[in-house]
Amino acid sequence: MSPTRPPEPPGDDTLDLRVEDLVALLDGDLLDSVAAWGPAGTPVGSFGLVPVRLERDLPLLTRWMNDPAVAAFWELAGPDTVTADHVRAQLEGDGRSVPCLGVLDGTPMSYFEIYRADLDPLARYYPARPHDTGIHLLIGGDTDRGRGVGTTLLRAVADLVLDHRPRCTRVVAEPDILNTPSVSAFLSGGFRYAAEVDLPDKRAVLMIRDRALRHVL
C-alpha cells in the first residue's frame, strides 16, 4: 500500500530503459484502458476504478494523505501541492502508472495506483516477469478500515487486472513490512508472501497474486 517508487541503483541503464519503453509502446500494453474496465460486484457493494482528475479530486486526496494513518506510510502529508506533484507525475507520464479513485456504490472511498511493475524501478529488486502489474492502495476513511474492506477491494482490483490484462500472469505489491494491517489485507485478499525485499527507503514484503492460483486462493 505504500506509493514509494525506489530509485534506480547506481549505474547507467539508460539504453535498457529506452528499449523497454519502446517495447511497451509497440506492444500496446500500457494501462490507458483502466477507465473502461467497468465495475465489479463485491460482498460490500459495486466497486470500480475511476482515473483521477486533479481539478476534481485534489481536495479529497489531500485530505486522505494528511490522515496520520495514511501519512505514516505514504509520506505525502502537507499542502495540496505535495499530493498534486505526486499524482501529476503519473498523469503526465507515459502510461506506466494510473492513479485512480476507488468508488464503492458511487462514493469515492479509496485511492489506487495501478502500475507496470515490470517497467518500474521495483523490477530491479525482484525477478520481474513481463507485464507484472503492481498495486498501491490507501483506504480513505476510518469507517472503512479494520473490517475487511481493504481485503475485499484488493481481491476485486487484482481480478480486474487479470480480467483485462490477459498477458499479465501476476499482480504484485510491496507494502512496508512494518505495515502489518496492509500485509494482512494482501494475504487475506489472495496474495502470497513471496519474499522480503530491501528497498532504498524501506524493508518491504513482496506480495504476489498468481493468475494460475486465482481460483484456488
N, C-alpha and C. Protein backbone atom coordinates (compact mmCIF):
# COMPACT_ATOMS: atom_id res chain seq x y z
N MET A 1 0.80 -1.19 0.00
CA MET A 1 0.00 0.00 0.00
C MET A 1 0.85 1.26 0.00
N SER A 2 2.10 1.11 0.06
CA SER A 2 2.97 2.27 0.02
C SER A 2 3.18 2.73 -1.40
N PRO A 3 3.26 4.07 -1.65
CA PRO A 3 3.40 4.56 -3.00
C PRO A 3 4.82 4.71 -3.45
N THR A 4 5.79 4.45 -2.56
CA THR A 4 7.16 4.82 -2.85
C THR A 4 7.71 4.05 -4.04
N ARG A 5 8.29 4.78 -4.98
CA ARG A 5 8.98 4.16 -6.10
C ARG A 5 10.47 4.16 -5.77
N PRO A 6 11.13 3.02 -5.59
CA PRO A 6 12.55 3.01 -5.25
C PRO A 6 13.38 3.60 -6.36
N PRO A 7 14.38 4.43 -6.03
CA PRO A 7 15.26 4.95 -7.06
C PRO A 7 16.10 3.86 -7.68
N GLU A 8 16.60 4.13 -8.86
CA GLU A 8 17.42 3.14 -9.53
C GLU A 8 18.76 3.01 -8.82
N PRO A 9 19.32 1.82 -8.75
CA PRO A 9 20.64 1.66 -8.19
C PRO A 9 21.68 2.33 -9.07
N PRO A 10 22.88 2.57 -8.55
CA PRO A 10 23.90 3.23 -9.35
C PRO A 10 24.17 2.47 -10.64
N GLY A 11 24.49 3.22 -11.66
CA GLY A 11 24.78 2.60 -12.95
C GLY A 11 24.02 3.29 -14.05
N ASP A 12 24.44 3.11 -15.27
CA ASP A 12 23.80 3.75 -16.40
C ASP A 12 23.01 2.71 -17.17
N ASP A 13 21.71 2.69 -16.93
CA ASP A 13 20.83 1.73 -17.61
C ASP A 13 19.94 2.46 -18.61
N THR A 14 20.35 3.63 -19.07
CA THR A 14 19.51 4.44 -19.94
C THR A 14 19.11 3.68 -21.19
N LEU A 15 20.07 3.00 -21.82
CA LEU A 15 19.78 2.29 -23.05
C LEU A 15 18.76 1.19 -22.80
N ASP A 16 18.93 0.44 -21.68
CA ASP A 16 17.98 -0.62 -21.36
C ASP A 16 16.58 -0.07 -21.18
N LEU A 17 16.46 1.07 -20.47
CA LEU A 17 15.16 1.64 -20.23
C LEU A 17 14.51 2.08 -21.53
N ARG A 18 15.30 2.62 -22.45
CA ARG A 18 14.74 3.07 -23.71
C ARG A 18 14.22 1.89 -24.52
N VAL A 19 14.92 0.78 -24.48
CA VAL A 19 14.45 -0.41 -25.18
C VAL A 19 13.15 -0.89 -24.56
N GLU A 20 13.07 -0.92 -23.23
CA GLU A 20 11.85 -1.34 -22.56
C GLU A 20 10.70 -0.41 -22.91
N ASP A 21 10.98 0.88 -22.92
CA ASP A 21 9.93 1.84 -23.27
C ASP A 21 9.40 1.57 -24.67
N LEU A 22 10.31 1.34 -25.60
CA LEU A 22 9.90 1.11 -26.99
C LEU A 22 9.06 -0.15 -27.10
N VAL A 23 9.49 -1.21 -26.43
CA VAL A 23 8.73 -2.45 -26.48
C VAL A 23 7.33 -2.24 -25.90
N ALA A 24 7.26 -1.53 -24.77
CA ALA A 24 5.96 -1.29 -24.14
C ALA A 24 5.03 -0.51 -25.07
N LEU A 25 5.57 0.47 -25.75
CA LEU A 25 4.75 1.26 -26.65
C LEU A 25 4.30 0.45 -27.85
N LEU A 26 5.20 -0.37 -28.37
CA LEU A 26 4.86 -1.15 -29.55
C LEU A 26 3.85 -2.25 -29.24
N ASP A 27 3.91 -2.82 -28.05
CA ASP A 27 3.00 -3.94 -27.78
C ASP A 27 1.63 -3.46 -27.30
N GLY A 28 1.48 -2.13 -27.12
CA GLY A 28 0.17 -1.58 -26.78
C GLY A 28 -0.37 -2.03 -25.44
N ASP A 29 0.51 -2.40 -24.52
CA ASP A 29 0.03 -2.97 -23.26
C ASP A 29 0.32 -2.05 -22.09
N LEU A 30 0.25 -0.75 -22.30
CA LEU A 30 0.27 0.16 -21.18
C LEU A 30 -1.13 0.18 -20.55
N LEU A 31 -1.38 1.10 -19.65
CA LEU A 31 -2.57 0.99 -18.79
C LEU A 31 -3.64 2.03 -19.10
N ASP A 32 -3.69 2.51 -20.34
CA ASP A 32 -4.62 3.59 -20.64
C ASP A 32 -6.06 3.12 -20.76
N SER A 33 -6.33 1.84 -20.57
CA SER A 33 -7.70 1.34 -20.69
C SER A 33 -8.39 1.14 -19.34
N VAL A 34 -7.76 1.54 -18.25
CA VAL A 34 -8.34 1.31 -16.92
C VAL A 34 -9.74 1.92 -16.82
N ALA A 35 -9.95 3.08 -17.41
CA ALA A 35 -11.25 3.75 -17.32
C ALA A 35 -12.37 2.91 -17.90
N ALA A 36 -12.04 1.99 -18.81
CA ALA A 36 -13.06 1.17 -19.46
C ALA A 36 -13.26 -0.19 -18.79
N TRP A 37 -12.58 -0.45 -17.69
CA TRP A 37 -12.68 -1.76 -17.07
C TRP A 37 -14.06 -2.04 -16.49
N GLY A 38 -14.77 -1.01 -16.08
CA GLY A 38 -16.10 -1.21 -15.54
C GLY A 38 -16.10 -1.65 -14.09
N PRO A 39 -17.27 -1.68 -13.46
CA PRO A 39 -17.37 -2.04 -12.04
C PRO A 39 -17.31 -3.54 -11.81
N ALA A 40 -17.03 -3.89 -10.56
CA ALA A 40 -17.03 -5.29 -10.14
C ALA A 40 -17.97 -5.43 -8.96
N GLY A 41 -18.75 -6.50 -8.94
CA GLY A 41 -19.58 -6.78 -7.79
C GLY A 41 -18.73 -7.38 -6.67
N THR A 42 -18.91 -6.89 -5.46
CA THR A 42 -18.16 -7.41 -4.30
C THR A 42 -19.15 -7.62 -3.15
N PRO A 43 -18.74 -8.33 -2.11
CA PRO A 43 -19.62 -8.52 -0.96
C PRO A 43 -20.00 -7.21 -0.25
N VAL A 44 -19.23 -6.13 -0.49
CA VAL A 44 -19.54 -4.87 0.18
C VAL A 44 -20.20 -3.86 -0.76
N GLY A 45 -20.44 -4.23 -2.01
CA GLY A 45 -21.10 -3.33 -2.93
C GLY A 45 -20.44 -3.32 -4.29
N SER A 46 -20.96 -2.48 -5.18
CA SER A 46 -20.40 -2.34 -6.53
C SER A 46 -19.19 -1.44 -6.47
N PHE A 47 -18.06 -1.95 -6.99
CA PHE A 47 -16.80 -1.23 -6.86
C PHE A 47 -16.18 -1.02 -8.24
N GLY A 48 -15.63 0.19 -8.45
CA GLY A 48 -14.96 0.47 -9.71
C GLY A 48 -13.79 1.42 -9.52
N LEU A 49 -12.91 1.45 -10.50
CA LEU A 49 -11.77 2.35 -10.53
C LEU A 49 -12.07 3.50 -11.48
N VAL A 50 -11.88 4.72 -11.00
CA VAL A 50 -12.11 5.92 -11.80
C VAL A 50 -10.81 6.70 -11.85
N PRO A 51 -10.18 6.83 -13.02
CA PRO A 51 -8.93 7.58 -13.10
C PRO A 51 -9.06 8.98 -12.50
N VAL A 52 -8.04 9.39 -11.78
CA VAL A 52 -8.05 10.67 -11.07
C VAL A 52 -8.04 11.84 -12.06
N ARG A 53 -8.83 12.87 -11.73
CA ARG A 53 -8.74 14.17 -12.37
C ARG A 53 -8.39 15.17 -11.28
N LEU A 54 -7.22 15.79 -11.38
CA LEU A 54 -6.74 16.63 -10.29
C LEU A 54 -7.70 17.77 -9.97
N GLU A 55 -8.27 18.41 -11.00
CA GLU A 55 -9.14 19.55 -10.74
C GLU A 55 -10.38 19.14 -9.94
N ARG A 56 -10.76 17.90 -10.02
CA ARG A 56 -11.92 17.38 -9.30
C ARG A 56 -11.53 16.74 -7.97
N ASP A 57 -10.44 16.02 -7.93
CA ASP A 57 -10.15 15.09 -6.84
C ASP A 57 -9.07 15.55 -5.87
N LEU A 58 -8.36 16.63 -6.18
CA LEU A 58 -7.22 17.01 -5.33
C LEU A 58 -7.61 17.29 -3.88
N PRO A 59 -8.69 18.03 -3.59
CA PRO A 59 -9.01 18.26 -2.17
C PRO A 59 -9.23 16.97 -1.39
N LEU A 60 -9.94 16.02 -1.99
CA LEU A 60 -10.19 14.75 -1.31
C LEU A 60 -8.90 13.98 -1.09
N LEU A 61 -8.07 13.89 -2.12
CA LEU A 61 -6.82 13.15 -1.98
C LEU A 61 -5.90 13.80 -0.95
N THR A 62 -5.85 15.13 -0.94
CA THR A 62 -5.00 15.82 0.04
C THR A 62 -5.48 15.54 1.46
N ARG A 63 -6.78 15.53 1.65
CA ARG A 63 -7.31 15.22 2.99
C ARG A 63 -6.91 13.81 3.41
N TRP A 64 -7.02 12.85 2.50
CA TRP A 64 -6.63 11.49 2.84
C TRP A 64 -5.14 11.40 3.14
N MET A 65 -4.32 12.07 2.36
CA MET A 65 -2.87 11.99 2.56
C MET A 65 -2.43 12.60 3.88
N ASN A 66 -3.26 13.48 4.43
CA ASN A 66 -2.93 14.11 5.71
C ASN A 66 -3.52 13.37 6.90
N ASP A 67 -4.21 12.28 6.67
CA ASP A 67 -4.64 11.41 7.76
C ASP A 67 -3.39 10.74 8.33
N PRO A 68 -3.16 10.83 9.64
CA PRO A 68 -1.93 10.26 10.21
C PRO A 68 -1.71 8.79 9.87
N ALA A 69 -2.78 8.00 9.80
CA ALA A 69 -2.64 6.57 9.49
C ALA A 69 -2.14 6.37 8.07
N VAL A 70 -2.51 7.26 7.17
CA VAL A 70 -2.06 7.18 5.78
C VAL A 70 -0.66 7.78 5.65
N ALA A 71 -0.46 8.94 6.25
CA ALA A 71 0.82 9.66 6.12
C ALA A 71 1.99 8.85 6.65
N ALA A 72 1.74 7.98 7.62
CA ALA A 72 2.83 7.19 8.21
C ALA A 72 3.55 6.34 7.17
N PHE A 73 2.83 5.92 6.12
CA PHE A 73 3.45 5.06 5.11
C PHE A 73 3.52 5.71 3.73
N TRP A 74 2.60 6.60 3.40
CA TRP A 74 2.66 7.25 2.09
C TRP A 74 3.59 8.45 2.10
N GLU A 75 3.76 9.09 3.26
CA GLU A 75 4.70 10.20 3.42
C GLU A 75 4.41 11.34 2.44
N LEU A 76 3.11 11.66 2.29
CA LEU A 76 2.71 12.76 1.41
C LEU A 76 1.86 13.78 2.15
N ALA A 77 2.01 13.86 3.46
CA ALA A 77 1.29 14.87 4.22
C ALA A 77 1.83 16.25 3.87
N GLY A 78 0.96 17.26 3.99
CA GLY A 78 1.36 18.62 3.68
C GLY A 78 0.32 19.32 2.84
N PRO A 79 0.67 20.46 2.25
CA PRO A 79 -0.28 21.19 1.42
C PRO A 79 -0.66 20.42 0.17
N ASP A 80 -1.68 20.92 -0.52
CA ASP A 80 -2.17 20.19 -1.68
C ASP A 80 -1.15 20.08 -2.80
N THR A 81 -0.15 20.95 -2.80
CA THR A 81 0.89 20.86 -3.83
C THR A 81 1.70 19.57 -3.72
N VAL A 82 1.83 19.04 -2.49
CA VAL A 82 2.58 17.79 -2.30
C VAL A 82 1.84 16.64 -2.99
N THR A 83 0.55 16.54 -2.72
CA THR A 83 -0.24 15.49 -3.36
C THR A 83 -0.32 15.72 -4.87
N ALA A 84 -0.51 16.98 -5.28
CA ALA A 84 -0.63 17.28 -6.71
C ALA A 84 0.63 16.88 -7.46
N ASP A 85 1.79 17.15 -6.90
CA ASP A 85 3.04 16.79 -7.57
C ASP A 85 3.16 15.28 -7.73
N HIS A 86 2.77 14.56 -6.69
CA HIS A 86 2.85 13.09 -6.74
C HIS A 86 1.92 12.53 -7.82
N VAL A 87 0.70 13.00 -7.85
CA VAL A 87 -0.28 12.47 -8.81
C VAL A 87 0.04 12.96 -10.22
N ARG A 88 0.43 14.22 -10.36
CA ARG A 88 0.68 14.78 -11.69
C ARG A 88 1.82 14.03 -12.39
N ALA A 89 2.81 13.60 -11.63
CA ALA A 89 3.92 12.86 -12.24
C ALA A 89 3.43 11.60 -12.95
N GLN A 90 2.36 11.01 -12.45
CA GLN A 90 1.79 9.84 -13.11
C GLN A 90 0.88 10.24 -14.27
N LEU A 91 0.06 11.27 -14.06
CA LEU A 91 -0.86 11.70 -15.11
C LEU A 91 -0.11 12.19 -16.35
N GLU A 92 1.05 12.77 -16.14
CA GLU A 92 1.83 13.30 -17.25
C GLU A 92 2.92 12.33 -17.70
N GLY A 93 2.86 11.11 -17.20
CA GLY A 93 3.86 10.10 -17.55
C GLY A 93 3.52 9.42 -18.86
N ASP A 94 4.06 8.23 -19.02
CA ASP A 94 3.96 7.53 -20.30
C ASP A 94 2.98 6.36 -20.25
N GLY A 95 2.07 6.37 -19.29
CA GLY A 95 1.07 5.31 -19.22
C GLY A 95 1.49 4.11 -18.41
N ARG A 96 2.62 4.20 -17.71
CA ARG A 96 3.06 3.07 -16.89
C ARG A 96 2.32 2.98 -15.56
N SER A 97 1.73 4.09 -15.12
CA SER A 97 1.04 4.12 -13.84
C SER A 97 -0.22 4.96 -13.96
N VAL A 98 -1.33 4.45 -13.41
CA VAL A 98 -2.60 5.16 -13.49
C VAL A 98 -3.12 5.36 -12.07
N PRO A 99 -3.23 6.61 -11.61
CA PRO A 99 -3.82 6.87 -10.30
C PRO A 99 -5.34 6.88 -10.41
N CYS A 100 -6.01 6.20 -9.49
CA CYS A 100 -7.46 6.03 -9.56
C CYS A 100 -8.12 6.23 -8.20
N LEU A 101 -9.34 6.76 -8.23
CA LEU A 101 -10.20 6.68 -7.07
C LEU A 101 -10.87 5.31 -7.07
N GLY A 102 -10.97 4.71 -5.90
CA GLY A 102 -11.78 3.52 -5.73
C GLY A 102 -13.17 3.94 -5.29
N VAL A 103 -14.17 3.65 -6.10
CA VAL A 103 -15.53 4.14 -5.86
C VAL A 103 -16.42 2.95 -5.50
N LEU A 104 -16.99 3.01 -4.30
CA LEU A 104 -17.84 1.93 -3.79
C LEU A 104 -19.28 2.43 -3.72
N ASP A 105 -20.16 1.80 -4.48
CA ASP A 105 -21.57 2.21 -4.54
C ASP A 105 -21.70 3.71 -4.79
N GLY A 106 -20.87 4.21 -5.70
CA GLY A 106 -20.96 5.60 -6.11
C GLY A 106 -20.18 6.58 -5.26
N THR A 107 -19.56 6.12 -4.18
CA THR A 107 -18.84 7.01 -3.27
C THR A 107 -17.34 6.77 -3.33
N PRO A 108 -16.53 7.80 -3.65
CA PRO A 108 -15.08 7.63 -3.60
C PRO A 108 -14.63 7.38 -2.16
N MET A 109 -13.90 6.28 -1.94
CA MET A 109 -13.51 5.92 -0.57
C MET A 109 -12.11 5.34 -0.48
N SER A 110 -11.40 5.29 -1.58
CA SER A 110 -10.04 4.73 -1.58
C SER A 110 -9.27 5.28 -2.77
N TYR A 111 -7.98 5.08 -2.72
CA TYR A 111 -7.09 5.54 -3.79
C TYR A 111 -6.19 4.39 -4.19
N PHE A 112 -6.12 4.13 -5.48
CA PHE A 112 -5.29 3.07 -6.02
C PHE A 112 -4.32 3.64 -7.04
N GLU A 113 -3.15 3.04 -7.10
CA GLU A 113 -2.23 3.25 -8.22
C GLU A 113 -1.99 1.89 -8.86
N ILE A 114 -2.34 1.79 -10.13
CA ILE A 114 -2.14 0.57 -10.91
C ILE A 114 -0.96 0.83 -11.83
N TYR A 115 0.08 0.02 -11.73
CA TYR A 115 1.30 0.36 -12.49
C TYR A 115 1.97 -0.89 -13.06
N ARG A 116 2.73 -0.66 -14.13
CA ARG A 116 3.51 -1.73 -14.75
C ARG A 116 4.75 -1.99 -13.90
N ALA A 117 4.66 -2.99 -13.05
CA ALA A 117 5.78 -3.29 -12.15
C ALA A 117 7.02 -3.73 -12.91
N ASP A 118 6.82 -4.38 -14.06
CA ASP A 118 7.98 -4.85 -14.83
C ASP A 118 8.74 -3.71 -15.50
N LEU A 119 8.13 -2.53 -15.62
CA LEU A 119 8.78 -1.36 -16.20
C LEU A 119 9.10 -0.32 -15.14
N ASP A 120 8.94 -0.68 -13.90
CA ASP A 120 9.17 0.22 -12.77
C ASP A 120 10.54 -0.08 -12.16
N PRO A 121 11.17 0.91 -11.50
CA PRO A 121 12.42 0.60 -10.80
C PRO A 121 12.31 -0.57 -9.82
N LEU A 122 11.11 -0.86 -9.32
CA LEU A 122 10.93 -2.02 -8.45
C LEU A 122 11.44 -3.30 -9.10
N ALA A 123 11.36 -3.39 -10.42
CA ALA A 123 11.77 -4.61 -11.12
C ALA A 123 13.26 -4.92 -10.94
N ARG A 124 14.04 -3.93 -10.51
CA ARG A 124 15.46 -4.18 -10.25
C ARG A 124 15.68 -4.94 -8.95
N TYR A 125 14.62 -5.09 -8.15
CA TYR A 125 14.77 -5.67 -6.83
C TYR A 125 14.05 -7.00 -6.65
N TYR A 126 13.45 -7.51 -7.72
CA TYR A 126 12.84 -8.83 -7.64
C TYR A 126 12.83 -9.42 -9.05
N PRO A 127 12.66 -10.72 -9.20
CA PRO A 127 12.69 -11.34 -10.53
C PRO A 127 11.40 -11.07 -11.30
N ALA A 128 11.31 -9.90 -11.88
CA ALA A 128 10.09 -9.48 -12.57
C ALA A 128 9.84 -10.30 -13.82
N ARG A 129 8.56 -10.43 -14.15
CA ARG A 129 8.14 -11.08 -15.39
C ARG A 129 7.45 -10.05 -16.27
N PRO A 130 7.48 -10.24 -17.59
CA PRO A 130 6.78 -9.30 -18.48
C PRO A 130 5.32 -9.13 -18.09
N HIS A 131 4.90 -7.88 -18.05
CA HIS A 131 3.51 -7.50 -17.79
C HIS A 131 3.08 -7.66 -16.34
N ASP A 132 4.02 -7.93 -15.41
CA ASP A 132 3.68 -7.85 -13.99
C ASP A 132 3.01 -6.50 -13.72
N THR A 133 1.92 -6.52 -12.97
CA THR A 133 1.17 -5.31 -12.69
C THR A 133 1.13 -5.08 -11.19
N GLY A 134 1.47 -3.87 -10.77
CA GLY A 134 1.55 -3.55 -9.35
C GLY A 134 0.35 -2.77 -8.86
N ILE A 135 0.12 -2.85 -7.54
CA ILE A 135 -0.98 -2.15 -6.88
C ILE A 135 -0.45 -1.42 -5.66
N HIS A 136 -0.84 -0.14 -5.52
CA HIS A 136 -0.73 0.58 -4.25
C HIS A 136 -2.15 0.96 -3.84
N LEU A 137 -2.43 0.96 -2.56
CA LEU A 137 -3.78 1.24 -2.07
C LEU A 137 -3.74 2.02 -0.78
N LEU A 138 -4.68 2.97 -0.65
CA LEU A 138 -5.00 3.53 0.66
C LEU A 138 -6.52 3.57 0.80
N ILE A 139 -6.99 3.32 2.02
CA ILE A 139 -8.40 3.44 2.36
C ILE A 139 -8.59 4.83 2.96
N GLY A 140 -9.55 5.59 2.44
CA GLY A 140 -9.64 6.99 2.79
C GLY A 140 -10.24 7.30 4.14
N GLY A 141 -11.17 6.49 4.62
CA GLY A 141 -11.86 6.84 5.86
C GLY A 141 -11.72 5.80 6.94
N ASP A 142 -11.74 6.26 8.19
CA ASP A 142 -11.63 5.34 9.33
C ASP A 142 -12.71 4.27 9.32
N THR A 143 -13.91 4.64 8.88
CA THR A 143 -15.03 3.70 8.96
C THR A 143 -14.87 2.51 8.03
N ASP A 144 -13.99 2.63 7.03
CA ASP A 144 -13.77 1.53 6.09
C ASP A 144 -12.51 0.73 6.42
N ARG A 145 -11.85 1.05 7.52
CA ARG A 145 -10.64 0.34 7.91
C ARG A 145 -10.94 -0.65 9.02
N GLY A 146 -10.18 -1.74 9.01
CA GLY A 146 -10.26 -2.69 10.11
C GLY A 146 -11.47 -3.59 10.10
N ARG A 147 -12.21 -3.62 8.98
CA ARG A 147 -13.38 -4.51 8.93
C ARG A 147 -13.40 -5.33 7.65
N GLY A 148 -12.25 -5.49 7.02
CA GLY A 148 -12.14 -6.38 5.87
C GLY A 148 -12.40 -5.74 4.53
N VAL A 149 -12.71 -4.43 4.49
CA VAL A 149 -12.99 -3.78 3.21
C VAL A 149 -11.75 -3.77 2.33
N GLY A 150 -10.59 -3.47 2.91
CA GLY A 150 -9.35 -3.46 2.13
C GLY A 150 -9.07 -4.80 1.47
N THR A 151 -9.27 -5.86 2.21
CA THR A 151 -9.10 -7.21 1.67
C THR A 151 -10.01 -7.44 0.46
N THR A 152 -11.28 -7.06 0.62
CA THR A 152 -12.25 -7.24 -0.47
C THR A 152 -11.85 -6.45 -1.70
N LEU A 153 -11.41 -5.21 -1.51
CA LEU A 153 -11.05 -4.37 -2.64
C LEU A 153 -9.78 -4.86 -3.32
N LEU A 154 -8.82 -5.33 -2.55
CA LEU A 154 -7.59 -5.86 -3.15
C LEU A 154 -7.90 -7.06 -4.04
N ARG A 155 -8.76 -7.92 -3.57
CA ARG A 155 -9.14 -9.09 -4.38
C ARG A 155 -9.87 -8.62 -5.64
N ALA A 156 -10.77 -7.65 -5.49
CA ALA A 156 -11.54 -7.16 -6.64
C ALA A 156 -10.64 -6.51 -7.67
N VAL A 157 -9.70 -5.69 -7.22
CA VAL A 157 -8.82 -4.99 -8.17
C VAL A 157 -7.87 -5.97 -8.85
N ALA A 158 -7.34 -6.93 -8.10
CA ALA A 158 -6.50 -7.94 -8.72
C ALA A 158 -7.27 -8.71 -9.78
N ASP A 159 -8.53 -9.02 -9.51
CA ASP A 159 -9.35 -9.71 -10.51
C ASP A 159 -9.58 -8.83 -11.74
N LEU A 160 -9.81 -7.53 -11.53
CA LEU A 160 -9.98 -6.62 -12.66
C LEU A 160 -8.72 -6.60 -13.53
N VAL A 161 -7.57 -6.55 -12.88
CA VAL A 161 -6.30 -6.56 -13.63
C VAL A 161 -6.19 -7.83 -14.45
N LEU A 162 -6.42 -8.97 -13.83
CA LEU A 162 -6.26 -10.25 -14.53
C LEU A 162 -7.32 -10.43 -15.62
N ASP A 163 -8.51 -9.89 -15.40
CA ASP A 163 -9.56 -9.99 -16.41
C ASP A 163 -9.24 -9.16 -17.65
N HIS A 164 -8.63 -7.99 -17.44
CA HIS A 164 -8.47 -7.04 -18.54
C HIS A 164 -7.05 -6.94 -19.08
N ARG A 165 -6.12 -7.65 -18.46
CA ARG A 165 -4.74 -7.65 -18.94
C ARG A 165 -4.32 -9.11 -19.14
N PRO A 166 -4.72 -9.73 -20.22
CA PRO A 166 -4.52 -11.18 -20.39
C PRO A 166 -3.06 -11.60 -20.40
N ARG A 167 -2.14 -10.68 -20.72
CA ARG A 167 -0.72 -11.05 -20.71
C ARG A 167 -0.09 -10.93 -19.33
N CYS A 168 -0.83 -10.40 -18.40
CA CYS A 168 -0.34 -10.29 -17.02
C CYS A 168 -0.60 -11.61 -16.30
N THR A 169 0.44 -12.25 -15.83
CA THR A 169 0.30 -13.50 -15.09
C THR A 169 0.37 -13.31 -13.58
N ARG A 170 0.78 -12.10 -13.14
CA ARG A 170 0.91 -11.87 -11.70
C ARG A 170 0.58 -10.42 -11.36
N VAL A 171 -0.12 -10.24 -10.27
CA VAL A 171 -0.31 -8.91 -9.69
C VAL A 171 0.58 -8.85 -8.45
N VAL A 172 1.34 -7.77 -8.31
CA VAL A 172 2.33 -7.69 -7.24
C VAL A 172 2.09 -6.44 -6.39
N ALA A 173 2.66 -6.47 -5.19
CA ALA A 173 2.64 -5.32 -4.29
C ALA A 173 3.86 -5.41 -3.39
N GLU A 174 4.21 -4.27 -2.77
CA GLU A 174 5.40 -4.25 -1.91
C GLU A 174 5.14 -3.37 -0.69
N PRO A 175 4.19 -3.78 0.18
CA PRO A 175 3.93 -3.00 1.38
C PRO A 175 5.11 -3.03 2.34
N ASP A 176 5.22 -1.97 3.10
CA ASP A 176 6.23 -1.89 4.16
C ASP A 176 6.02 -3.05 5.13
N ILE A 177 7.10 -3.72 5.50
CA ILE A 177 6.98 -4.85 6.42
C ILE A 177 6.42 -4.42 7.77
N LEU A 178 6.57 -3.13 8.12
CA LEU A 178 6.03 -2.62 9.38
C LEU A 178 4.54 -2.34 9.31
N ASN A 179 3.99 -2.32 8.10
CA ASN A 179 2.57 -2.04 7.94
C ASN A 179 1.80 -3.36 7.99
N THR A 180 1.69 -3.89 9.19
CA THR A 180 1.10 -5.22 9.35
C THR A 180 -0.36 -5.30 8.90
N PRO A 181 -1.19 -4.26 9.10
CA PRO A 181 -2.56 -4.35 8.56
C PRO A 181 -2.58 -4.50 7.05
N SER A 182 -1.67 -3.81 6.37
CA SER A 182 -1.60 -3.92 4.92
C SER A 182 -1.17 -5.32 4.49
N VAL A 183 -0.14 -5.83 5.10
CA VAL A 183 0.34 -7.17 4.76
C VAL A 183 -0.77 -8.19 4.99
N SER A 184 -1.47 -8.07 6.10
CA SER A 184 -2.56 -8.99 6.41
C SER A 184 -3.68 -8.89 5.37
N ALA A 185 -3.99 -7.67 4.92
CA ALA A 185 -5.05 -7.50 3.92
C ALA A 185 -4.67 -8.16 2.60
N PHE A 186 -3.43 -8.02 2.19
CA PHE A 186 -2.99 -8.67 0.95
C PHE A 186 -3.08 -10.19 1.08
N LEU A 187 -2.63 -10.72 2.21
CA LEU A 187 -2.69 -12.17 2.40
C LEU A 187 -4.14 -12.67 2.34
N SER A 188 -5.03 -11.96 3.00
CA SER A 188 -6.44 -12.36 3.00
C SER A 188 -7.09 -12.14 1.65
N GLY A 189 -6.50 -11.25 0.83
CA GLY A 189 -7.05 -10.96 -0.49
C GLY A 189 -6.54 -11.85 -1.60
N GLY A 190 -5.84 -12.94 -1.25
CA GLY A 190 -5.41 -13.90 -2.25
C GLY A 190 -3.99 -13.74 -2.72
N PHE A 191 -3.24 -12.84 -2.10
CA PHE A 191 -1.82 -12.69 -2.43
C PHE A 191 -1.00 -13.62 -1.53
N ARG A 192 0.16 -14.00 -2.02
CA ARG A 192 1.06 -14.82 -1.20
C ARG A 192 2.30 -14.00 -0.81
N TYR A 193 2.84 -14.36 0.31
CA TYR A 193 4.04 -13.72 0.86
C TYR A 193 5.24 -14.33 0.15
N ALA A 194 5.77 -13.62 -0.85
CA ALA A 194 6.79 -14.21 -1.71
C ALA A 194 8.21 -14.03 -1.17
N ALA A 195 8.50 -12.88 -0.60
CA ALA A 195 9.86 -12.59 -0.15
C ALA A 195 9.87 -11.29 0.63
N GLU A 196 10.97 -11.06 1.34
CA GLU A 196 11.24 -9.75 1.92
C GLU A 196 12.31 -9.09 1.06
N VAL A 197 12.09 -7.80 0.77
CA VAL A 197 12.93 -7.09 -0.19
C VAL A 197 13.45 -5.81 0.45
N ASP A 198 14.76 -5.59 0.40
CA ASP A 198 15.34 -4.37 0.91
C ASP A 198 15.35 -3.32 -0.19
N LEU A 199 14.40 -2.37 -0.09
CA LEU A 199 14.35 -1.24 -1.00
C LEU A 199 15.11 -0.08 -0.37
N PRO A 200 15.45 0.93 -1.13
CA PRO A 200 16.25 2.02 -0.57
C PRO A 200 15.61 2.72 0.62
N ASP A 201 14.28 2.77 0.67
CA ASP A 201 13.62 3.55 1.73
C ASP A 201 12.88 2.69 2.74
N LYS A 202 12.87 1.37 2.56
CA LYS A 202 12.12 0.53 3.48
C LYS A 202 12.46 -0.93 3.24
N ARG A 203 12.12 -1.76 4.21
CA ARG A 203 12.12 -3.20 4.01
C ARG A 203 10.68 -3.58 3.69
N ALA A 204 10.48 -4.18 2.53
CA ALA A 204 9.14 -4.44 2.03
C ALA A 204 8.88 -5.93 1.96
N VAL A 205 7.60 -6.27 1.93
CA VAL A 205 7.17 -7.64 1.67
C VAL A 205 6.68 -7.70 0.23
N LEU A 206 7.27 -8.58 -0.56
CA LEU A 206 6.81 -8.79 -1.92
C LEU A 206 5.60 -9.73 -1.87
N MET A 207 4.46 -9.19 -2.25
CA MET A 207 3.22 -9.94 -2.28
C MET A 207 2.85 -10.22 -3.73
N ILE A 208 2.42 -11.45 -4.02
CA ILE A 208 2.11 -11.84 -5.40
C ILE A 208 0.76 -12.54 -5.46
N ARG A 209 -0.06 -12.13 -6.40
CA ARG A 209 -1.30 -12.85 -6.73
C ARG A 209 -1.10 -13.49 -8.09
N ASP A 210 -1.03 -14.80 -8.12
CA ASP A 210 -0.75 -15.55 -9.34
C ASP A 210 -2.04 -15.85 -10.11
N ARG A 211 -2.01 -15.59 -11.40
CA ARG A 211 -3.17 -15.96 -12.21
C ARG A 211 -3.47 -17.46 -12.08
N ALA A 212 -2.42 -18.28 -12.07
CA ALA A 212 -2.61 -19.74 -12.03
C ALA A 212 -3.31 -20.19 -10.76
N LEU A 213 -3.20 -19.40 -9.67
CA LEU A 213 -3.80 -19.78 -8.40
C LEU A 213 -5.05 -18.94 -8.11
N ARG A 214 -5.51 -18.21 -9.09
CA ARG A 214 -6.59 -17.24 -8.88
C ARG A 214 -7.83 -17.88 -8.25
N HIS A 215 -8.22 -19.03 -8.69
CA HIS A 215 -9.46 -19.66 -8.21
C HIS A 215 -9.19 -20.71 -7.14
N VAL A 216 -7.94 -20.75 -6.68
CA VAL A 216 -7.60 -21.68 -5.61
C VAL A 216 -7.61 -20.99 -4.27
N LEU A 217 -7.10 -19.73 -4.27
CA LEU A 217 -6.98 -19.00 -3.00
C LEU A 217 -8.29 -18.33 -2.62
